[in-house]
Amino acid sequence: MSDCTAYTSVGTPVVTALNPNQGPVAGSNSVTIAGSVFTDATDVFFGAVRAPFSVVSDSRIVATAPAGAGSALVTVATAGGASSPGVPYTYV
């Protein structure tokens, strides 16, 4: 008799595009993030700032941009790691 443990590998997400890729410094606007391996997303970051988000599909997330200035790299994280490099988002 042997003990078997189920193992599920979680991939590293890839971010390919943002729509829109810019927004107000006050934040609070919706940003659609396109890419892959989003199903098990645990976090979305605009730079170092965590943003609220909803996973729509394995290839799409809708996030709410936090307040910010200048530009920030948007990344998605799963238990398998974080997307790298991020895709730039510009505050206007």
PDB file of N, CA and C in Angstrom:
ATOM      1  N   MET A   1       0.846  -1.170   0.000  1.00  0.00           N
ATOM      2  CA  MET A   1       0.000   0.000   0.000  1.00  0.00           C
ATOM      3  C   MET A   1       0.898   1.242   0.000  1.00  0.00           C
ATOM      4  N   SER A   2       0.564   2.191  -0.819  1.00  0.00           N
ATOM      5  CA  SER A   2       1.361   3.414  -0.869  1.00  0.00           C
ATOM      6  C   SER A   2       0.467   4.623  -0.692  1.00  0.00           C
ATOM      7  N   ASP A   3       1.058   5.657  -0.155  1.00  0.00           N
ATOM      8  CA  ASP A   3       0.333   6.915  -0.002  1.00  0.00           C
ATOM      9  C   ASP A   3       0.545   7.743  -1.258  1.00  0.00           C
ATOM     10  N   CYS A   4      -0.531   8.235  -1.789  1.00  0.00           N
ATOM     11  CA  CYS A   4      -0.446   9.087  -2.972  1.00  0.00           C
ATOM     12  C   CYS A   4      -0.993  10.460  -2.619  1.00  0.00           C
ATOM     13  N   THR A   5      -0.265  11.442  -3.012  1.00  0.00           N
ATOM     14  CA  THR A   5      -0.695  12.814  -2.792  1.00  0.00           C
ATOM     15  C   THR A   5      -0.902  13.461  -4.146  1.00  0.00           C
ATOM     16  N   ALA A   6      -2.060  14.035  -4.331  1.00  0.00           N
ATOM     17  CA  ALA A   6      -2.327  14.730  -5.591  1.00  0.00           C
ATOM     18  C   ALA A   6      -1.515  16.010  -5.634  1.00  0.00           C
ATOM     19  N   TYR A   7      -0.932  16.274  -6.784  1.00  0.00           N
ATOM     20  CA  TYR A   7      -0.125  17.473  -6.955  1.00  0.00           C
ATOM     21  C   TYR A   7      -0.617  18.201  -8.191  1.00  0.00           C
ATOM     22  N   THR A   8      -0.929  19.447  -8.018  1.00  0.00           N
ATOM     23  CA  THR A   8      -1.358  20.268  -9.139  1.00  0.00           C
ATOM     24  C   THR A   8      -0.366  21.398  -9.309  1.00  0.00           C
ATOM     25  N   SER A   9       0.189  21.482 -10.486  1.00  0.00           N
ATOM     26  CA  SER A   9       1.143  22.545 -10.775  1.00  0.00           C
ATOM     27  C   SER A   9       0.389  23.795 -11.206  1.00  0.00           C
ATOM     28  N   VAL A  10       0.745  24.923 -10.619  1.00  0.00           N
ATOM     29  CA  VAL A  10       0.147  26.202 -10.995  1.00  0.00           C
ATOM     30  C   VAL A  10       1.193  26.959 -11.800  1.00  0.00           C
ATOM     31  N   GLY A  11       0.831  27.331 -13.016  1.00  0.00           N
ATOM     32  CA  GLY A  11       1.778  28.008 -13.890  1.00  0.00           C
ATOM     33  C   GLY A  11       2.001  29.460 -13.510  1.00  0.00           C
ATOM     34  N   THR A  12       2.982  30.045 -14.160  1.00  0.00           N
ATOM     35  CA  THR A  12       3.285  31.462 -13.972  1.00  0.00           C
ATOM     36  C   THR A  12       2.483  32.267 -14.984  1.00  0.00           C
ATOM     37  N   PRO A  13       1.738  33.276 -14.534  1.00  0.00           N
ATOM     38  CA  PRO A  13       0.922  34.055 -15.461  1.00  0.00           C
ATOM     39  C   PRO A  13       1.768  34.914 -16.403  1.00  0.00           C
ATOM     40  N   VAL A  14       1.159  35.257 -17.525  1.00  0.00           N
ATOM     41  CA  VAL A  14       1.788  36.124 -18.522  1.00  0.00           C
ATOM     42  C   VAL A  14       0.811  37.248 -18.836  1.00  0.00           C
ATOM     43  N   VAL A  15       1.244  38.498 -18.689  1.00  0.00           N
ATOM     44  CA  VAL A  15       0.414  39.658 -19.039  1.00  0.00           C
ATOM     45  C   VAL A  15       0.879  40.162 -20.395  1.00  0.00           C
ATOM     46  N   THR A  16      -0.076  40.312 -21.342  1.00  0.00           N
ATOM     47  CA  THR A  16       0.287  40.754 -22.691  1.00  0.00           C
ATOM     48  C   THR A  16      -0.232  42.141 -23.034  1.00  0.00           C
ATOM     49  N   ALA A  17      -1.333  42.578 -22.401  1.00  0.00           N
ATOM     50  CA  ALA A  17      -1.900  43.884 -22.761  1.00  0.00           C
ATOM     51  C   ALA A  17      -2.815  44.396 -21.662  1.00  0.00           C
ATOM     52  N   LEU A  18      -2.991  45.720 -21.644  1.00  0.00           N
ATOM     53  CA  LEU A  18      -3.913  46.397 -20.729  1.00  0.00           C
ATOM     54  C   LEU A  18      -4.858  47.252 -21.564  1.00  0.00           C
ATOM     55  N   ASN A  19      -6.126  47.292 -21.163  1.00  0.00           N
ATOM     56  CA  ASN A  19      -7.087  48.147 -21.851  1.00  0.00           C
ATOM     57  C   ASN A  19      -8.008  48.795 -20.828  1.00  0.00           C
ATOM     58  N   PRO A  20      -7.903  50.101 -20.616  1.00  0.00           N
ATOM     59  CA  PRO A  20      -6.934  51.014 -21.208  1.00  0.00           C
ATOM     60  C   PRO A  20      -5.567  50.842 -20.547  1.00  0.00           C
ATOM     61  N   ASN A  21      -4.537  51.399 -21.182  1.00  0.00           N
ATOM     62  CA  ASN A  21      -3.189  51.313 -20.604  1.00  0.00           C
ATOM     63  C   ASN A  21      -2.791  52.613 -19.910  1.00  0.00           C
ATOM     64  N   GLN A  22      -3.779  53.479 -19.693  1.00  0.00           N
ATOM     65  CA  GLN A  22      -3.555  54.708 -18.932  1.00  0.00           C
ATOM     66  C   GLN A  22      -4.851  55.099 -18.246  1.00  0.00           C
ATOM     67  N   GLY A  23      -4.726  55.929 -17.192  1.00  0.00           N
ATOM     68  CA  GLY A  23      -5.902  56.360 -16.460  1.00  0.00           C
ATOM     69  C   GLY A  23      -5.570  57.479 -15.497  1.00  0.00           C
ATOM     70  N   PRO A  24      -6.589  57.979 -14.805  1.00  0.00           N
ATOM     71  CA  PRO A  24      -6.408  59.127 -13.919  1.00  0.00           C
ATOM     72  C   PRO A  24      -5.564  58.802 -12.685  1.00  0.00           C
ATOM     73  N   VAL A  25      -4.866  59.826 -12.176  1.00  0.00           N
ATOM     74  CA  VAL A  25      -4.044  59.639 -10.979  1.00  0.00           C
ATOM     75  C   VAL A  25      -4.888  59.233  -9.775  1.00  0.00           C
ATOM     76  N   ALA A  26      -6.173  59.569  -9.790  1.00  0.00           N
ATOM     77  CA  ALA A  26      -7.066  59.192  -8.693  1.00  0.00           C
ATOM     78  C   ALA A  26      -7.393  57.704  -8.697  1.00  0.00           C
ATOM     79  N   GLY A  27      -7.121  57.021  -9.818  1.00  0.00           N
ATOM     80  CA  GLY A  27      -7.432  55.599  -9.905  1.00  0.00           C
ATOM     81  C   GLY A  27      -8.923  55.348  -9.981  1.00  0.00           C
ATOM     82  N   SER A  28      -9.356  54.194  -9.528  1.00  0.00           N
ATOM     83  CA  SER A  28     -10.754  53.760  -9.463  1.00  0.00           C
ATOM     84  C   SER A  28     -11.370  53.389 -10.800  1.00  0.00           C
ATOM     85  N   ASN A  29     -10.608  53.402 -11.881  1.00  0.00           N
ATOM     86  CA  ASN A  29     -11.150  52.986 -13.167  1.00  0.00           C
ATOM     87  C   ASN A  29     -10.861  51.509 -13.404  1.00  0.00           C
ATOM     88  N   SER A  30     -11.705  50.880 -14.218  1.00  0.00           N
ATOM     89  CA  SER A  30     -11.531  49.468 -14.551  1.00  0.00           C
ATOM     90  C   SER A  30     -10.479  49.307 -15.635  1.00  0.00           C
ATOM     91  N   VAL A  31      -9.634  48.310 -15.465  1.00  0.00           N
ATOM     92  CA  VAL A  31      -8.596  47.991 -16.442  1.00  0.00           C
ATOM     93  C   VAL A  31      -8.707  46.502 -16.759  1.00  0.00           C
ATOM     94  N   THR A  32      -8.864  46.189 -18.035  1.00  0.00           N
ATOM     95  CA  THR A  32      -8.892  44.795 -18.460  1.00  0.00           C
ATOM     96  C   THR A  32      -7.462  44.353 -18.749  1.00  0.00           C
ATOM     97  N   ILE A  33      -7.076  43.260 -18.120  1.00  0.00           N
ATOM     98  CA  ILE A  33      -5.731  42.707 -18.280  1.00  0.00           C
ATOM     99  C   ILE A  33      -5.857  41.454 -19.134  1.00  0.00           C
ATOM    100  N   ALA A  34      -5.125  41.422 -20.244  1.00  0.00           N
ATOM    101  CA  ALA A  34      -5.136  40.262 -21.134  1.00  0.00           C
ATOM    102  C   ALA A  34      -3.846  39.479 -20.963  1.00  0.00           C
ATOM    103  N   GLY A  35      -3.944  38.168 -21.124  1.00  0.00           N
ATOM    104  CA  GLY A  35      -2.765  37.330 -21.007  1.00  0.00           C
ATOM    105  C   GLY A  35      -3.155  35.872 -20.887  1.00  0.00           C
ATOM    106  N   SER A  36      -2.446  35.137 -20.038  1.00  0.00           N
ATOM    107  CA  SER A  36      -2.739  33.718 -19.858  1.00  0.00           C
ATOM    108  C   SER A  36      -2.358  33.262 -18.452  1.00  0.00           C
ATOM    109  N   VAL A  37      -2.886  32.115 -18.077  1.00  0.00           N
ATOM    110  CA  VAL A  37      -2.666  31.471 -16.775  1.00  0.00           C
ATOM    111  C   VAL A  37      -3.194  32.361 -15.644  1.00  0.00           C
ATOM    112  N   PHE A  38      -4.407  32.885 -15.832  1.00  0.00           N
ATOM    113  CA  PHE A  38      -5.015  33.770 -14.835  1.00  0.00           C
ATOM    114  C   PHE A  38      -5.997  33.060 -13.896  1.00  0.00           C
ATOM    115  N   THR A  39      -6.399  31.840 -14.205  1.00  0.00           N
ATOM    116  CA  THR A  39      -7.451  31.177 -13.431  1.00  0.00           C
ATOM    117  C   THR A  39      -7.169  31.160 -11.935  1.00  0.00           C
ATOM    118  N   ASP A  40      -5.938  30.892 -11.554  1.00  0.00           N
ATOM    119  CA  ASP A  40      -5.586  30.792 -10.135  1.00  0.00           C
ATOM    120  C   ASP A  40      -4.888  32.044  -9.607  1.00  0.00           C
ATOM    121  N   ALA A  41      -5.189  33.206 -10.205  1.00  0.00           N
ATOM    122  CA  ALA A  41      -4.556  34.459  -9.776  1.00  0.00           C
ATOM    123  C   ALA A  41      -4.851  34.740  -8.305  1.00  0.00           C
ATOM    124  N   THR A  42      -3.812  35.156  -7.591  1.00  0.00           N
ATOM    125  CA  THR A  42      -3.957  35.501  -6.175  1.00  0.00           C
ATOM    126  C   THR A  42      -3.840  36.999  -5.939  1.00  0.00           C
ATOM    127  N   ASP A  43      -3.127  37.694  -6.824  1.00  0.00           N
ATOM    128  CA  ASP A  43      -2.916  39.131  -6.661  1.00  0.00           C
ATOM    129  C   ASP A  43      -2.717  39.801  -8.009  1.00  0.00           C
ATOM    130  N   VAL A  44      -3.093  41.085  -8.053  1.00  0.00           N
ATOM    131  CA  VAL A  44      -2.766  41.966  -9.172  1.00  0.00           C
ATOM    132  C   VAL A  44      -2.094  43.184  -8.561  1.00  0.00           C
ATOM    133  N   PHE A  45      -0.976  43.594  -9.149  1.00  0.00           N
ATOM    134  CA  PHE A  45      -0.240  44.752  -8.646  1.00  0.00           C
ATOM    135  C   PHE A  45      -0.066  45.796  -9.733  1.00  0.00           C
ATOM    136  N   PHE A  46      -0.229  47.058  -9.343  1.00  0.00           N
ATOM    137  CA  PHE A  46       0.156  48.202 -10.160  1.00  0.00           C
ATOM    138  C   PHE A  46       1.399  48.736  -9.461  1.00  0.00           C
ATOM    139  N   GLY A  47       2.568  48.405  -9.986  1.00  0.00           N
ATOM    140  CA  GLY A  47       3.796  48.682  -9.251  1.00  0.00           C
ATOM    141  C   GLY A  47       3.798  47.808  -8.005  1.00  0.00           C
ATOM    142  N   ALA A  48       3.965  48.422  -6.841  1.00  0.00           N
ATOM    143  CA  ALA A  48       3.964  47.683  -5.573  1.00  0.00           C
ATOM    144  C   ALA A  48       2.606  47.706  -4.885  1.00  0.00           C
ATOM    145  N   VAL A  49       1.611  48.320  -5.533  1.00  0.00           N
ATOM    146  CA  VAL A  49       0.294  48.490  -4.912  1.00  0.00           C
ATOM    147  C   VAL A  49      -0.660  47.391  -5.370  1.00  0.00           C
ATOM    148  N   ARG A  50      -1.205  46.656  -4.413  1.00  0.00           N
ATOM    149  CA  ARG A  50      -2.175  45.599  -4.701  1.00  0.00           C
ATOM    150  C   ARG A  50      -3.489  46.232  -5.149  1.00  0.00           C
ATOM    151  N   ALA A  51      -4.106  45.650  -6.167  1.00  0.00           N
ATOM    152  CA  ALA A  51      -5.363  46.170  -6.704  1.00  0.00           C
ATOM    153  C   ALA A  51      -6.461  45.116  -6.591  1.00  0.00           C
ATOM    154  N   PRO A  52      -7.697  45.555  -6.331  1.00  0.00           N
ATOM    155  CA  PRO A  52      -8.813  44.603  -6.348  1.00  0.00           C
ATOM    156  C   PRO A  52      -9.046  44.124  -7.784  1.00  0.00           C
ATOM    157  N   PHE A  53      -9.453  42.866  -7.925  1.00  0.00           N
ATOM    158  CA  PHE A  53      -9.630  42.313  -9.272  1.00  0.00           C
ATOM    159  C   PHE A  53     -10.631  41.172  -9.273  1.00  0.00           C
ATOM    160  N   SER A  54     -11.101  40.843 -10.476  1.00  0.00           N
ATOM    161  CA  SER A  54     -11.952  39.678 -10.702  1.00  0.00           C
ATOM    162  C   SER A  54     -11.390  38.913 -11.887  1.00  0.00           C
ATOM    163  N   VAL A  55     -11.274  37.606 -11.733  1.00  0.00           N
ATOM    164  CA  VAL A  55     -10.848  36.767 -12.844  1.00  0.00           C
ATOM    165  C   VAL A  55     -12.074  36.494 -13.704  1.00  0.00           C
ATOM    166  N   VAL A  56     -12.014  36.896 -14.963  1.00  0.00           N
ATOM    167  CA  VAL A  56     -13.114  36.680 -15.903  1.00  0.00           C
ATOM    168  C   VAL A  56     -12.921  35.337 -16.604  1.00  0.00           C
ATOM    169  N   SER A  57     -11.686  35.047 -16.979  1.00  0.00           N
ATOM    170  CA  SER A  57     -11.347  33.783 -17.630  1.00  0.00           C
ATOM    171  C   SER A  57      -9.850  33.550 -17.454  1.00  0.00           C
ATOM    172  N   ASP A  58      -9.363  32.441 -17.988  1.00  0.00           N
ATOM    173  CA  ASP A  58      -7.936  32.153 -17.883  1.00  0.00           C
ATOM    174  C   ASP A  58      -7.088  33.182 -18.623  1.00  0.00           C
ATOM    175  N   SER A  59      -7.727  33.949 -19.517  1.00  0.00           N
ATOM    176  CA  SER A  59      -6.980  34.927 -20.309  1.00  0.00           C
ATOM    177  C   SER A  59      -7.403  36.375 -20.067  1.00  0.00           C
ATOM    178  N   ARG A  60      -8.300  36.584 -19.073  1.00  0.00           N
ATOM    179  CA  ARG A  60      -8.751  37.959 -18.839  1.00  0.00           C
ATOM    180  C   ARG A  60      -9.072  38.196 -17.365  1.00  0.00           C
ATOM    181  N   ILE A  61      -8.577  39.336 -16.867  1.00  0.00           N
ATOM    182  CA  ILE A  61      -8.851  39.818 -15.512  1.00  0.00           C
ATOM    183  C   ILE A  61      -9.330  41.251 -15.644  1.00  0.00           C
ATOM    184  N   VAL A  62     -10.281  41.638 -14.807  1.00  0.00           N
ATOM    185  CA  VAL A  62     -10.671  43.044 -14.717  1.00  0.00           C
ATOM    186  C   VAL A  62     -10.250  43.528 -13.336  1.00  0.00           C
ATOM    187  N   ALA A  63      -9.403  44.558 -13.319  1.00  0.00           N
ATOM    188  CA  ALA A  63      -8.887  45.117 -12.068  1.00  0.00           C
ATOM    189  C   ALA A  63      -9.328  46.561 -11.930  1.00  0.00           C
ATOM    190  N   THR A  64      -9.316  47.053 -10.698  1.00  0.00           N
ATOM    191  CA  THR A  64      -9.574  48.465 -10.430  1.00  0.00           C
ATOM    192  C   THR A  64      -8.237  49.120 -10.133  1.00  0.00           C
ATOM    193  N   ALA A  65      -7.875  50.085 -10.976  1.00  0.00           N
ATOM    194  CA  ALA A  65      -6.578  50.745 -10.808  1.00  0.00           C
ATOM    195  C   ALA A  65      -6.545  51.526  -9.500  1.00  0.00           C
ATOM    196  N   PRO A  66      -5.478  51.379  -8.731  1.00  0.00           N
ATOM    197  CA  PRO A  66      -5.320  52.195  -7.526  1.00  0.00           C
ATOM    198  C   PRO A  66      -4.839  53.596  -7.915  1.00  0.00           C
ATOM    199  N   ALA A  67      -4.902  54.523  -6.992  1.00  0.00           N
ATOM    200  CA  ALA A  67      -4.352  55.860  -7.235  1.00  0.00           C
ATOM    201  C   ALA A  67      -2.847  55.740  -7.436  1.00  0.00           C
ATOM    202  N   GLY A  68      -2.295  56.628  -8.248  1.00  0.00           N
ATOM    203  CA  GLY A  68      -0.862  56.589  -8.486  1.00  0.00           C
ATOM    204  C   GLY A  68      -0.414  57.773  -9.319  1.00  0.00           C
ATOM    205  N   ALA A  69       0.858  57.800  -9.641  1.00  0.00           N
ATOM    206  CA  ALA A  69       1.425  58.869 -10.470  1.00  0.00           C
ATOM    207  C   ALA A  69       2.524  58.280 -11.335  1.00  0.00           C
ATOM    208  N   GLY A  70       2.779  58.927 -12.470  1.00  0.00           N
ATOM    209  CA  GLY A  70       3.825  58.437 -13.366  1.00  0.00           C
ATOM    210  C   GLY A  70       3.374  57.174 -14.064  1.00  0.00           C
ATOM    211  N   SER A  71       4.183  56.131 -13.968  1.00  0.00           N
ATOM    212  CA  SER A  71       3.797  54.858 -14.562  1.00  0.00           C
ATOM    213  C   SER A  71       4.080  53.733 -13.581  1.00  0.00           C
ATOM    214  N   ALA A  72       3.395  52.626 -13.796  1.00  0.00           N
ATOM    215  CA  ALA A  72       3.552  51.457 -12.938  1.00  0.00           C
ATOM    216  C   ALA A  72       3.493  50.217 -13.814  1.00  0.00           C
ATOM    217  N   LEU A  73       4.273  49.216 -13.471  1.00  0.00           N
ATOM    218  CA  LEU A  73       4.201  47.950 -14.182  1.00  0.00           C
ATOM    219  C   LEU A  73       3.104  47.105 -13.555  1.00  0.00           C
ATOM    220  N   VAL A  74       2.198  46.615 -14.385  1.00  0.00           N
ATOM    221  CA  VAL A  74       1.098  45.778 -13.904  1.00  0.00           C
ATOM    222  C   VAL A  74       1.530  44.320 -14.000  1.00  0.00           C
ATOM    223  N   THR A  75       1.393  43.614 -12.880  1.00  0.00           N
ATOM    224  CA  THR A  75       1.742  42.204 -12.826  1.00  0.00           C
ATOM    225  C   THR A  75       0.608  41.418 -12.190  1.00  0.00           C
ATOM    226  N   VAL A  76       0.575  40.132 -12.513  1.00  0.00           N
ATOM    227  CA  VAL A  76      -0.399  39.201 -11.946  1.00  0.00           C
ATOM    228  C   VAL A  76       0.392  38.100 -11.261  1.00  0.00           C
ATOM    229  N   ALA A  77      -0.063  37.692 -10.084  1.00  0.00           N
ATOM    230  CA  ALA A  77       0.626  36.638  -9.338  1.00  0.00           C
ATOM    231  C   ALA A  77      -0.290  35.444  -9.108  1.00  0.00           C
ATOM    232  N   THR A  78       0.312  34.258  -9.109  1.00  0.00           N
ATOM    233  CA  THR A  78      -0.347  33.019  -8.709  1.00  0.00           C
ATOM    234  C   THR A  78       0.591  32.332  -7.724  1.00  0.00           C
ATOM    235  N   ALA A  79       0.175  31.184  -7.215  1.00  0.00           N
ATOM    236  CA  ALA A  79       1.059  30.414  -6.345  1.00  0.00           C
ATOM    237  C   ALA A  79       2.311  29.969  -7.102  1.00  0.00           C
ATOM    238  N   GLY A  80       2.239  29.957  -8.445  1.00  0.00           N
ATOM    239  CA  GLY A  80       3.372  29.548  -9.268  1.00  0.00           C
ATOM    240  C   GLY A  80       4.371  30.648  -9.550  1.00  0.00           C
ATOM    241  N   GLY A  81       4.045  31.888  -9.171  1.00  0.00           N
ATOM    242  CA  GLY A  81       4.953  33.003  -9.402  1.00  0.00           C
ATOM    243  C   GLY A  81       4.225  34.208  -9.952  1.00  0.00           C
ATOM    244  N   ALA A  82       4.987  35.230 -10.297  1.00  0.00           N
ATOM    245  CA  ALA A  82       4.417  36.476 -10.813  1.00  0.00           C
ATOM    246  C   ALA A  82       4.852  36.696 -12.252  1.00  0.00           C
ATOM    247  N   SER A  83       3.972  37.343 -13.010  1.00  0.00           N
ATOM    248  CA  SER A  83       4.309  37.666 -14.391  1.00  0.00           C
ATOM    249  C   SER A  83       5.496  38.616 -14.413  1.00  0.00           C
ATOM    250  N   SER A  84       6.364  38.417 -15.393  1.00  0.00           N
ATOM    251  CA  SER A  84       7.538  39.275 -15.498  1.00  0.00           C
ATOM    252  C   SER A  84       7.989  39.282 -16.951  1.00  0.00           C
ATOM    253  N   PRO A  85       8.285  40.404 -17.537  1.00  0.00           N
ATOM    254  CA  PRO A  85       8.154  41.726 -16.914  1.00  0.00           C
ATOM    255  C   PRO A  85       6.697  42.152 -16.908  1.00  0.00           C
ATOM    256  N   GLY A  86       6.392  43.176 -16.158  1.00  0.00           N
ATOM    257  CA  GLY A  86       5.042  43.712 -16.146  1.00  0.00           C
ATOM    258  C   GLY A  86       4.779  44.543 -17.394  1.00  0.00           C
ATOM    259  N   VAL A  87       3.516  44.898 -17.578  1.00  0.00           N
ATOM    260  CA  VAL A  87       3.116  45.754 -18.695  1.00  0.00           C
ATOM    261  C   VAL A  87       2.862  47.149 -18.134  1.00  0.00           C
ATOM    262  N   PRO A  88       3.408  48.200 -18.768  1.00  0.00           N
ATOM    263  CA  PRO A  88       3.280  49.551 -18.207  1.00  0.00           C
ATOM    264  C   PRO A  88       1.873  50.131 -18.288  1.00  0.00           C
ATOM    265  N   TYR A  89       1.488  50.779 -17.190  1.00  0.00           N
ATOM    266  CA  TYR A  89       0.237  51.527 -17.073  1.00  0.00           C
ATOM    267  C   TYR A  89       0.647  52.948 -16.699  1.00  0.00           C
ATOM    268  N   THR A  90       0.099  53.942 -17.405  1.00  0.00           N
ATOM    269  CA  THR A  90       0.494  55.333 -17.192  1.00  0.00           C
ATOM    270  C   THR A  90      -0.626  56.126 -16.547  1.00  0.00           C
ATOM    271  N   TYR A  91      -0.287  56.856 -15.487  1.00  0.00           N
ATOM    272  CA  TYR A  91      -1.245  57.750 -14.835  1.00  0.00           C
ATOM    273  C   TYR A  91      -1.165  59.111 -15.507  1.00  0.00           C
ATOM    274  N   VAL A  92      -2.334  59.650 -15.901  1.00  0.00           N
ATOM    275  CA  VAL A  92      -2.368  60.950 -16.593  1.00  0.00           C
ATOM    276  C   VAL A  92      -3.231  61.941 -15.845  1.00  0.00           C
TER     277      VAL A  92
END
